[in-house]
Every structure is written in C-alpha cells, then in structure tokens.
C-alpha cells in the first residue's frame, strides 16, 4: 500500500503554483498543484491522457479556448495533445493524475 495526503505539508507559493508529487503507482503519478487566487498555468498540452480533480477552491479550466468553471469536487479527463490552461479564481488545490511515462518536470515548466 502507498499512502499520501493532499493536505499534509501543503505550501502555497507567492508568485506561482506549487507543484509536488504525492505518490507514484505502477501506472500513474499523483501530483498536487497548490494555486493562490490569480495564479495561472499557461496553455499547454500533455503527451499522455490526464485527470484533473479540484480538491479545494475554484478554477477556470480552459480547453481549446473555451472556459469551463470547475469547483471543489469536479473531475475532468483530457486526452493527450489537447490544449488547456488553468486560472485559479480563489486559493485552490488541484490533484493531477499523470501517466507514469509523463514527467513532473514537464508540469513544472508550465509555471516557469
């Protein structure tokens, strides 16, 4: 068994989203993205499908230029190569499920 917490050691950064690996399984990487209200993740694409869960807060989730307001408890899945972006409307905790083949460094580059 592997265990982690979305709330343990939670730290927000002042100027950009804080990205941390919660755990890795045989097929996925579970990532926490802590975003202050106003933080953004510029438009990007992933090489593999992803799942995004809004654990806390609210974000505008842009997909191919269309905005989808997501709030606590909402979950969306995207196929690979779909352009998307995030804009935190308030302090938010986002859980991102990546393929084991994807890299956390790629996600961190989106907020640089």
C-alpha atoms as a PDB file:
ATOM      1  CA  UNK A   1       0.000   0.000   0.000  1.00  0.00           C
ATOM      2  CA  UNK A   2       1.101   3.544  -0.774  1.00  0.00           C
ATOM      3  CA  UNK A   3      -0.445   6.447   1.153  1.00  0.00           C
ATOM      4  CA  UNK A   4      -0.254  10.218   0.934  1.00  0.00           C
ATOM      5  CA  UNK A   5      -2.289  13.310   1.760  1.00  0.00           C
ATOM      6  CA  UNK A   6      -3.408  16.274  -0.310  1.00  0.00           C
ATOM      7  CA  UNK A   7      -3.231  18.434   2.822  1.00  0.00           C
ATOM      8  CA  UNK A   8      -0.051  17.306   4.588  1.00  0.00           C
ATOM      9  CA  UNK A   9       2.875  19.726   4.117  1.00  0.00           C
ATOM     10  CA  UNK A  10       0.679  21.969   1.960  1.00  0.00           C
ATOM     11  CA  UNK A  11       2.512  25.146   0.987  1.00  0.00           C
ATOM     12  CA  UNK A  12       1.436  27.824  -1.445  1.00  0.00           C
ATOM     13  CA  UNK A  13       3.989  29.918  -3.303  1.00  0.00           C
ATOM     14  CA  UNK A  14       3.533  33.646  -3.554  1.00  0.00           C
ATOM     15  CA  UNK A  15       4.131  34.135  -7.272  1.00  0.00           C
ATOM     16  CA  UNK A  16       3.282  30.825  -8.996  1.00  0.00           C
ATOM     17  CA  UNK A  17       1.588  27.472  -8.417  1.00  0.00           C
ATOM     18  CA  UNK A  18       3.383  25.000  -6.129  1.00  0.00           C
ATOM     19  CA  UNK A  19       3.736  21.565  -7.722  1.00  0.00           C
ATOM     20  CA  UNK A  20       4.601  18.460  -5.713  1.00  0.00           C
ATOM     21  CA  UNK A  21       4.469  14.709  -6.226  1.00  0.00           C
ATOM     22  CA  UNK A  22       2.145  13.000  -3.760  1.00  0.00           C
ATOM     23  CA  UNK A  23       2.825   9.423  -4.829  1.00  0.00           C
ATOM     24  CA  UNK A  24       3.625   7.147  -7.721  1.00  0.00           C
ATOM     25  CA  UNK A  25       1.905   3.890  -8.562  1.00  0.00           C
ATOM     26  CA  UNK A  26       2.747   1.294 -11.173  1.00  0.00           C
ATOM     27  CA  UNK A  27       0.829   3.266 -13.800  1.00  0.00           C
ATOM     28  CA  UNK A  28       0.355   6.866 -12.553  1.00  0.00           C
ATOM     29  CA  UNK A  29       1.889   9.836 -10.783  1.00  0.00           C
ATOM     30  CA  UNK A  30      -0.395  11.789  -8.451  1.00  0.00           C
ATOM     31  CA  UNK A  31       0.513  15.480  -8.364  1.00  0.00           C
ATOM     32  CA  UNK A  32      -0.730  18.288  -6.097  1.00  0.00           C
ATOM     33  CA  UNK A  33      -0.915  21.790  -7.550  1.00  0.00           C
ATOM     34  CA  UNK A  34      -1.481  24.474  -4.895  1.00  0.00           C
ATOM     35  CA  UNK A  35      -2.638  27.697  -6.535  1.00  0.00           C
ATOM     36  CA  UNK A  36      -3.343  31.054  -4.928  1.00  0.00           C
ATOM     37  CA  UNK A  37      -6.253  33.009  -6.355  1.00  0.00           C
ATOM     38  CA  UNK A  38      -4.984  34.629  -9.547  1.00  0.00           C
ATOM     39  CA  UNK A  39      -2.273  32.047 -10.251  1.00  0.00           C
ATOM     40  CA  UNK A  40      -2.319  30.654 -13.771  1.00  0.00           C
ATOM     41  CA  UNK A  41      -0.896  27.758 -15.710  1.00  0.00           C
ATOM     42  CA  UNK A  42      -0.407  28.915 -19.296  1.00  0.00           C
ATOM     43  CA  UNK A  43      -1.832  26.946 -22.193  1.00  0.00           C
ATOM     44  CA  UNK A  44      -0.034  23.666 -22.679  1.00  0.00           C
ATOM     45  CA  UNK A  45      -0.553  20.108 -23.894  1.00  0.00           C
ATOM     46  CA  UNK A  46       0.301  16.730 -22.451  1.00  0.00           C
ATOM     47  CA  UNK A  47       1.840  13.774 -24.266  1.00  0.00           C
ATOM     48  CA  UNK A  48      -0.483  11.373 -22.383  1.00  0.00           C
ATOM     49  CA  UNK A  49      -4.081  11.491 -21.077  1.00  0.00           C
ATOM     50  CA  UNK A  50      -4.617  13.237 -17.706  1.00  0.00           C
ATOM     51  CA  UNK A  51      -7.251  13.508 -14.984  1.00  0.00           C
ATOM     52  CA  UNK A  52      -7.745  16.787 -13.097  1.00  0.00           C
ATOM     53  CA  UNK A  53      -9.659  16.982  -9.794  1.00  0.00           C
ATOM     54  CA  UNK A  54     -10.486  20.192  -7.956  1.00  0.00           C
ATOM     55  CA  UNK A  55      -9.950  19.134  -4.355  1.00  0.00           C
ATOM     56  CA  UNK A  56     -10.449  22.633  -2.924  1.00  0.00           C
ATOM     57  CA  UNK A  57     -11.311  26.024  -4.398  1.00  0.00           C
ATOM     58  CA  UNK A  58     -12.351  27.004  -7.910  1.00  0.00           C
ATOM     59  CA  UNK A  59     -10.542  27.332 -11.231  1.00  0.00           C
ATOM     60  CA  UNK A  60     -11.376  28.337 -14.771  1.00  0.00           C
ATOM     61  CA  UNK A  61     -10.237  25.417 -16.898  1.00  0.00           C
ATOM     62  CA  UNK A  62      -9.661  26.426 -20.498  1.00  0.00           C
ATOM     63  CA  UNK A  63      -9.841  23.794 -23.218  1.00  0.00           C
ATOM     64  CA  UNK A  64      -9.099  24.850 -26.797  1.00  0.00           C
ATOM     65  CA  UNK A  65     -10.028  28.438 -25.880  1.00  0.00           C
ATOM     66  CA  UNK A  66     -13.342  27.612 -24.147  1.00  0.00           C
ATOM     67  CA  UNK A  67     -13.612  28.209 -20.363  1.00  0.00           C
ATOM     68  CA  UNK A  68     -15.117  25.648 -18.015  1.00  0.00           C
ATOM     69  CA  UNK A  69     -15.624  26.856 -14.432  1.00  0.00           C
ATOM     70  CA  UNK A  70     -14.646  24.000 -12.105  1.00  0.00           C
ATOM     71  CA  UNK A  71     -15.215  23.928  -8.352  1.00  0.00           C
ATOM     72  CA  UNK A  72     -14.465  21.694  -5.387  1.00  0.00           C
ATOM     73  CA  UNK A  73     -15.304  18.100  -6.232  1.00  0.00           C
ATOM     74  CA  UNK A  74     -15.261  18.447 -10.023  1.00  0.00           C
ATOM     75  CA  UNK A  75     -13.194  15.984 -12.054  1.00  0.00           C
ATOM     76  CA  UNK A  76     -12.306  16.164 -15.742  1.00  0.00           C
ATOM     77  CA  UNK A  77     -10.301  13.911 -18.041  1.00  0.00           C
ATOM     78  CA  UNK A  78      -8.404  15.017 -21.132  1.00  0.00           C
ATOM     79  CA  UNK A  79      -6.870  13.001 -23.901  1.00  0.00           C
ATOM     80  CA  UNK A  80      -3.276  13.636 -24.937  1.00  0.00           C
ATOM     81  CA  UNK A  81      -2.395  16.707 -27.020  1.00  0.00           C
ATOM     82  CA  UNK A  82      -5.471  18.783 -26.027  1.00  0.00           C
ATOM     83  CA  UNK A  83      -4.501  22.436 -25.384  1.00  0.00           C
ATOM     84  CA  UNK A  84      -5.618  23.561 -21.920  1.00  0.00           C
ATOM     85  CA  UNK A  85      -4.875  26.160 -19.223  1.00  0.00           C
ATOM     86  CA  UNK A  86      -5.878  26.908 -15.629  1.00  0.00           C
ATOM     87  CA  UNK A  87      -6.678  30.120 -13.799  1.00  0.00           C
ATOM     88  CA  UNK A  88      -7.356  29.923 -10.046  1.00  0.00           C
ATOM     89  CA  UNK A  89     -10.384  32.024  -9.097  1.00  0.00           C
ATOM     90  CA  UNK A  90      -9.524  31.536  -5.402  1.00  0.00           C
ATOM     91  CA  UNK A  91      -6.963  29.575  -3.397  1.00  0.00           C
ATOM     92  CA  UNK A  92      -7.225  26.067  -4.815  1.00  0.00           C
ATOM     93  CA  UNK A  93      -5.780  22.586  -4.511  1.00  0.00           C
ATOM     94  CA  UNK A  94      -5.740  20.642  -7.766  1.00  0.00           C
ATOM     95  CA  UNK A  95      -4.972  16.941  -7.976  1.00  0.00           C
ATOM     96  CA  UNK A  96      -3.428  15.946 -11.293  1.00  0.00           C
ATOM     97  CA  UNK A  97      -3.105  12.330 -12.375  1.00  0.00           C
ATOM     98  CA  UNK A  98      -0.329  11.786 -14.900  1.00  0.00           C
ATOM     99  CA  UNK A  99       0.730   8.706 -16.790  1.00  0.00           C
ATOM    100  CA  UNK A 100       3.772   7.018 -15.282  1.00  0.00           C
ATOM    101  CA  UNK A 101       5.513   7.805 -18.597  1.00  0.00           C
ATOM    102  CA  UNK A 102       4.953  11.558 -18.191  1.00  0.00           C
ATOM    103  CA  UNK A 103       7.340  13.779 -16.225  1.00  0.00           C
ATOM    104  CA  UNK A 104       6.789  16.154 -13.325  1.00  0.00           C
ATOM    105  CA  UNK A 105       9.477  18.419 -14.828  1.00  0.00           C
ATOM    106  CA  UNK A 106       7.214  18.990 -17.822  1.00  0.00           C
ATOM    107  CA  UNK A 107       4.442  20.191 -15.493  1.00  0.00           C
ATOM    108  CA  UNK A 108       6.826  22.443 -13.556  1.00  0.00           C
ATOM    109  CA  UNK A 109       7.986  24.087 -16.803  1.00  0.00           C
ATOM    110  CA  UNK A 110       4.404  25.222 -17.465  1.00  0.00           C
ATOM    111  CA  UNK A 111       4.531  27.567 -14.433  1.00  0.00           C
ATOM    112  CA  UNK A 112       8.045  28.953 -15.034  1.00  0.00           C
END
